Amino acid sequence: MPFLLRICIIFVLLTQCGFAQVKDKYLKKMPSNYDHLLCAREKEKGLLMSFNNFKNGKIEAATLPEINTLMTTMLLGSGTYLFELLSKKYPDFKPVVVRPNGYTSTSFQIRYDFQHGSIYLMRIFSNSRGLGLMAAEYPENYLLLYGFDIKDETILKELREQLVQYMKSNYFEFSNVEKKGP
């Protein structure tokens, strides 16, 4: 059996489970101060970001040459919605790239900081459309896991409800996720 085929088979066998069955290894990567976890299966690419800028900690739209050469990474639909919502509503909003994806890793972690707390996002490759050369370009192959560190219950409820409403209106699959103990 060709080496590349063996690698692909192993990758399929070892990748994440189906929708909303986030493996413990990802839940353990969620910082302990974030709770009220929410997981979404994406259907939209959202903001196509410059891969090079993202690796350097900046969330910026990709240029046309970057898009044409696939030097991009997707923020995905619900992540983009939340990014735009927070940037319009909170002047102190600051997105922070915690761990960018790389040439061989499709997952990333970012944090949205603002005056009332922060929201942690993890993009996880979950392989729902199958593997192929372009698998990473399909938003359906990703889950976004959200964690909230917002002390004001009113703000927390409002932001979660707006995010859930966006997901419902765009026919995303989503669910609450139980965070396991330490």
Foldseek 3Di string as FASTA:
>chain_A
DDPVVVVQVVCVVPFADDPPRGDLVVLVVPDPLFAQKKKWQAQFQAAWAQLVVVQVWDGDGDDPVCVVVVRTAGCTDLSNVLVVVCVVPAVQWDKTFPAGADPPGNKGKIWIDGDQFIKIKIKGQQAPPHDDPCSRVGSSRIMIMITTNGPPPVVVVVSVVVSVVVCVVVVIDMDGHDRDDD
